[in-house]
Amino acid sequence: MHTIDFDLDPGHDFVELNQLLKLAGLCDSGGAGKQLVASGAVQVDGVRELRKTAKMRAGQMVRVGDVTIRVRAAA
């Protein structure tokens, strides 16, 4: 399993799920991120997530296949 630590931008409480997938390098665009979520391949905190623009906040874990993204507060 591969883990990616994603730090939220300062001044932002969340990042939309499709954008997180793009920014973490798991897909090429926000649109591709939406398709990935719609396919049912994404889990948030261990539960399948189908809301493409769900707000991911610090402390949440996003999993796609064998990749886990840890969302962290801005330093």
N, C-alpha and C. Protein backbone atom coordinates (compact mmCIF):
# COMPACT_ATOMS: atom_id res chain seq x y z
N MET A 1 0.85 -1.18 0.00
CA MET A 1 0.00 0.00 0.00
C MET A 1 0.89 1.24 0.00
N HIS A 2 0.49 2.23 -0.75
CA HIS A 2 1.21 3.49 -0.87
C HIS A 2 0.38 4.59 -0.20
N THR A 3 1.03 5.43 0.61
CA THR A 3 0.32 6.52 1.29
C THR A 3 0.85 7.86 0.83
N ILE A 4 -0.09 8.77 0.54
CA ILE A 4 0.24 10.13 0.14
C ILE A 4 -0.30 11.07 1.21
N ASP A 5 0.55 11.96 1.73
CA ASP A 5 0.09 12.99 2.66
C ASP A 5 -0.26 14.23 1.85
N PHE A 6 -1.50 14.69 1.98
CA PHE A 6 -1.97 15.87 1.25
C PHE A 6 -2.27 16.97 2.26
N ASP A 7 -1.55 18.08 2.17
CA ASP A 7 -1.77 19.22 3.07
C ASP A 7 -2.72 20.21 2.41
N LEU A 8 -3.79 20.54 3.13
CA LEU A 8 -4.73 21.55 2.63
C LEU A 8 -4.02 22.88 2.47
N ASP A 9 -4.46 23.68 1.52
CA ASP A 9 -3.90 25.02 1.35
C ASP A 9 -4.24 25.87 2.57
N PRO A 10 -3.32 26.73 3.00
CA PRO A 10 -3.62 27.63 4.12
C PRO A 10 -4.87 28.45 3.81
N GLY A 11 -5.73 28.58 4.79
CA GLY A 11 -6.95 29.35 4.62
C GLY A 11 -8.12 28.56 4.06
N HIS A 12 -7.90 27.28 3.77
CA HIS A 12 -8.97 26.44 3.23
C HIS A 12 -9.26 25.30 4.20
N ASP A 13 -10.55 25.07 4.46
CA ASP A 13 -10.97 24.02 5.39
C ASP A 13 -11.12 22.67 4.69
N PHE A 14 -11.25 22.68 3.37
CA PHE A 14 -11.55 21.44 2.65
C PHE A 14 -11.04 21.51 1.22
N VAL A 15 -11.06 20.34 0.57
CA VAL A 15 -10.81 20.24 -0.86
C VAL A 15 -11.87 19.27 -1.39
N GLU A 16 -12.43 19.55 -2.57
CA GLU A 16 -13.43 18.66 -3.15
C GLU A 16 -12.75 17.36 -3.56
N LEU A 17 -13.46 16.25 -3.39
CA LEU A 17 -12.90 14.93 -3.63
C LEU A 17 -12.31 14.78 -5.02
N ASN A 18 -13.03 15.19 -6.06
CA ASN A 18 -12.51 15.05 -7.42
C ASN A 18 -11.22 15.85 -7.61
N GLN A 19 -11.13 17.02 -6.99
CA GLN A 19 -9.92 17.83 -7.09
C GLN A 19 -8.77 17.21 -6.30
N LEU A 20 -9.08 16.61 -5.15
CA LEU A 20 -8.05 15.94 -4.36
C LEU A 20 -7.40 14.82 -5.17
N LEU A 21 -8.21 14.04 -5.86
CA LEU A 21 -7.68 12.95 -6.67
C LEU A 21 -6.75 13.49 -7.75
N LYS A 22 -7.11 14.62 -8.34
CA LYS A 22 -6.27 15.25 -9.36
C LYS A 22 -4.99 15.79 -8.73
N LEU A 23 -5.11 16.52 -7.65
CA LEU A 23 -3.94 17.14 -7.02
C LEU A 23 -2.97 16.11 -6.44
N ALA A 24 -3.49 14.96 -6.04
CA ALA A 24 -2.64 13.89 -5.50
C ALA A 24 -2.00 13.07 -6.61
N GLY A 25 -2.37 13.35 -7.87
CA GLY A 25 -1.76 12.67 -9.00
C GLY A 25 -2.39 11.34 -9.37
N LEU A 26 -3.60 11.07 -8.86
CA LEU A 26 -4.25 9.80 -9.18
C LEU A 26 -5.06 9.85 -10.47
N CYS A 27 -5.27 11.05 -11.00
CA CYS A 27 -5.93 11.21 -12.30
C CYS A 27 -5.46 12.52 -12.92
N ASP A 28 -5.74 12.69 -14.20
CA ASP A 28 -5.21 13.83 -14.94
C ASP A 28 -6.02 15.12 -14.83
N SER A 29 -7.30 15.00 -14.44
CA SER A 29 -8.15 16.19 -14.40
C SER A 29 -9.26 16.01 -13.37
N GLY A 30 -9.94 17.11 -13.06
CA GLY A 30 -11.08 17.02 -12.16
C GLY A 30 -12.19 16.17 -12.76
N GLY A 31 -12.36 16.24 -14.06
CA GLY A 31 -13.37 15.42 -14.74
C GLY A 31 -13.06 13.94 -14.62
N ALA A 32 -11.78 13.60 -14.76
CA ALA A 32 -11.37 12.20 -14.59
C ALA A 32 -11.58 11.78 -13.15
N GLY A 33 -11.38 12.72 -12.22
CA GLY A 33 -11.63 12.44 -10.81
C GLY A 33 -13.10 12.14 -10.56
N LYS A 34 -13.98 12.89 -11.21
CA LYS A 34 -15.42 12.66 -11.08
C LYS A 34 -15.79 11.27 -11.60
N GLN A 35 -15.19 10.87 -12.72
CA GLN A 35 -15.47 9.55 -13.28
C GLN A 35 -14.98 8.44 -12.35
N LEU A 36 -13.83 8.66 -11.74
CA LEU A 36 -13.28 7.67 -10.81
C LEU A 36 -14.20 7.49 -9.61
N VAL A 37 -14.70 8.61 -9.08
CA VAL A 37 -15.63 8.54 -7.94
C VAL A 37 -16.92 7.84 -8.37
N ALA A 38 -17.45 8.21 -9.53
CA ALA A 38 -18.70 7.63 -10.03
C ALA A 38 -18.58 6.12 -10.24
N SER A 39 -17.38 5.65 -10.51
CA SER A 39 -17.18 4.22 -10.76
C SER A 39 -17.29 3.39 -9.48
N GLY A 40 -17.28 4.05 -8.33
CA GLY A 40 -17.37 3.34 -7.05
C GLY A 40 -16.03 2.89 -6.52
N ALA A 41 -14.95 3.35 -7.12
CA ALA A 41 -13.60 2.90 -6.75
C ALA A 41 -12.99 3.67 -5.58
N VAL A 42 -13.70 4.69 -5.07
CA VAL A 42 -13.13 5.55 -4.04
C VAL A 42 -13.82 5.32 -2.70
N GLN A 43 -13.00 5.20 -1.66
CA GLN A 43 -13.52 5.08 -0.30
C GLN A 43 -13.02 6.26 0.51
N VAL A 44 -13.90 6.77 1.38
CA VAL A 44 -13.52 7.82 2.32
C VAL A 44 -13.79 7.27 3.72
N ASP A 45 -12.75 7.23 4.52
CA ASP A 45 -12.84 6.69 5.88
C ASP A 45 -13.47 5.30 5.89
N GLY A 46 -13.11 4.49 4.89
CA GLY A 46 -13.56 3.10 4.83
C GLY A 46 -14.93 2.86 4.23
N VAL A 47 -15.58 3.91 3.73
CA VAL A 47 -16.92 3.79 3.15
C VAL A 47 -16.89 4.28 1.71
N ARG A 48 -17.49 3.53 0.79
CA ARG A 48 -17.53 3.95 -0.61
C ARG A 48 -18.20 5.31 -0.72
N GLU A 49 -17.57 6.21 -1.47
CA GLU A 49 -18.08 7.57 -1.63
C GLU A 49 -18.45 7.79 -3.09
N LEU A 50 -19.69 8.21 -3.34
CA LEU A 50 -20.16 8.47 -4.70
C LEU A 50 -20.41 9.94 -4.98
N ARG A 51 -20.26 10.79 -3.96
CA ARG A 51 -20.44 12.23 -4.16
C ARG A 51 -19.13 12.80 -4.72
N LYS A 52 -19.16 13.21 -5.96
CA LYS A 52 -17.95 13.63 -6.66
C LYS A 52 -17.28 14.85 -6.04
N THR A 53 -18.08 15.76 -5.49
CA THR A 53 -17.51 16.98 -4.93
C THR A 53 -17.64 17.01 -3.40
N ALA A 54 -17.65 15.84 -2.79
CA ALA A 54 -17.69 15.77 -1.32
C ALA A 54 -16.51 16.54 -0.76
N LYS A 55 -16.73 17.23 0.34
CA LYS A 55 -15.68 18.04 0.95
C LYS A 55 -14.79 17.18 1.84
N MET A 56 -13.52 17.11 1.48
CA MET A 56 -12.55 16.35 2.26
C MET A 56 -11.85 17.31 3.21
N ARG A 57 -11.91 16.97 4.48
CA ARG A 57 -11.34 17.83 5.52
C ARG A 57 -10.17 17.13 6.21
N ALA A 58 -9.39 17.91 6.94
CA ALA A 58 -8.23 17.37 7.66
C ALA A 58 -8.65 16.20 8.53
N GLY A 59 -7.85 15.14 8.51
CA GLY A 59 -8.11 13.96 9.30
C GLY A 59 -8.79 12.84 8.54
N GLN A 60 -9.29 13.14 7.34
CA GLN A 60 -9.97 12.10 6.56
C GLN A 60 -8.96 11.30 5.74
N MET A 61 -9.34 10.05 5.47
CA MET A 61 -8.51 9.14 4.68
C MET A 61 -9.28 8.75 3.43
N VAL A 62 -8.65 8.91 2.28
CA VAL A 62 -9.26 8.57 0.99
C VAL A 62 -8.45 7.40 0.41
N ARG A 63 -9.15 6.37 -0.03
CA ARG A 63 -8.45 5.20 -0.58
C ARG A 63 -8.96 4.90 -1.99
N VAL A 64 -8.01 4.69 -2.89
CA VAL A 64 -8.30 4.28 -4.26
C VAL A 64 -7.34 3.12 -4.56
N GLY A 65 -7.88 1.93 -4.70
CA GLY A 65 -7.03 0.76 -4.92
C GLY A 65 -6.09 0.57 -3.75
N ASP A 66 -4.79 0.54 -4.04
CA ASP A 66 -3.82 0.35 -2.96
C ASP A 66 -3.16 1.66 -2.54
N VAL A 67 -3.77 2.79 -2.91
CA VAL A 67 -3.24 4.11 -2.55
C VAL A 67 -4.16 4.76 -1.51
N THR A 68 -3.56 5.25 -0.44
CA THR A 68 -4.30 5.98 0.59
C THR A 68 -3.81 7.42 0.63
N ILE A 69 -4.75 8.36 0.66
CA ILE A 69 -4.42 9.78 0.79
C ILE A 69 -4.85 10.22 2.18
N ARG A 70 -3.91 10.75 2.96
CA ARG A 70 -4.22 11.32 4.27
C ARG A 70 -4.35 12.83 4.09
N VAL A 71 -5.51 13.38 4.41
CA VAL A 71 -5.75 14.82 4.29
C VAL A 71 -5.33 15.45 5.61
N ARG A 72 -4.45 16.43 5.50
CA ARG A 72 -3.91 17.09 6.71
C ARG A 72 -4.16 18.58 6.67
N ALA A 73 -4.24 19.17 7.85
CA ALA A 73 -4.40 20.62 7.97
C ALA A 73 -3.15 21.31 7.47
N ALA A 74 -3.31 22.52 6.98
CA ALA A 74 -2.16 23.30 6.52
C ALA A 74 -1.22 23.55 7.68
N ALA A 75 0.06 23.47 7.40
CA ALA A 75 1.06 23.66 8.46
C ALA A 75 1.27 25.13 8.74
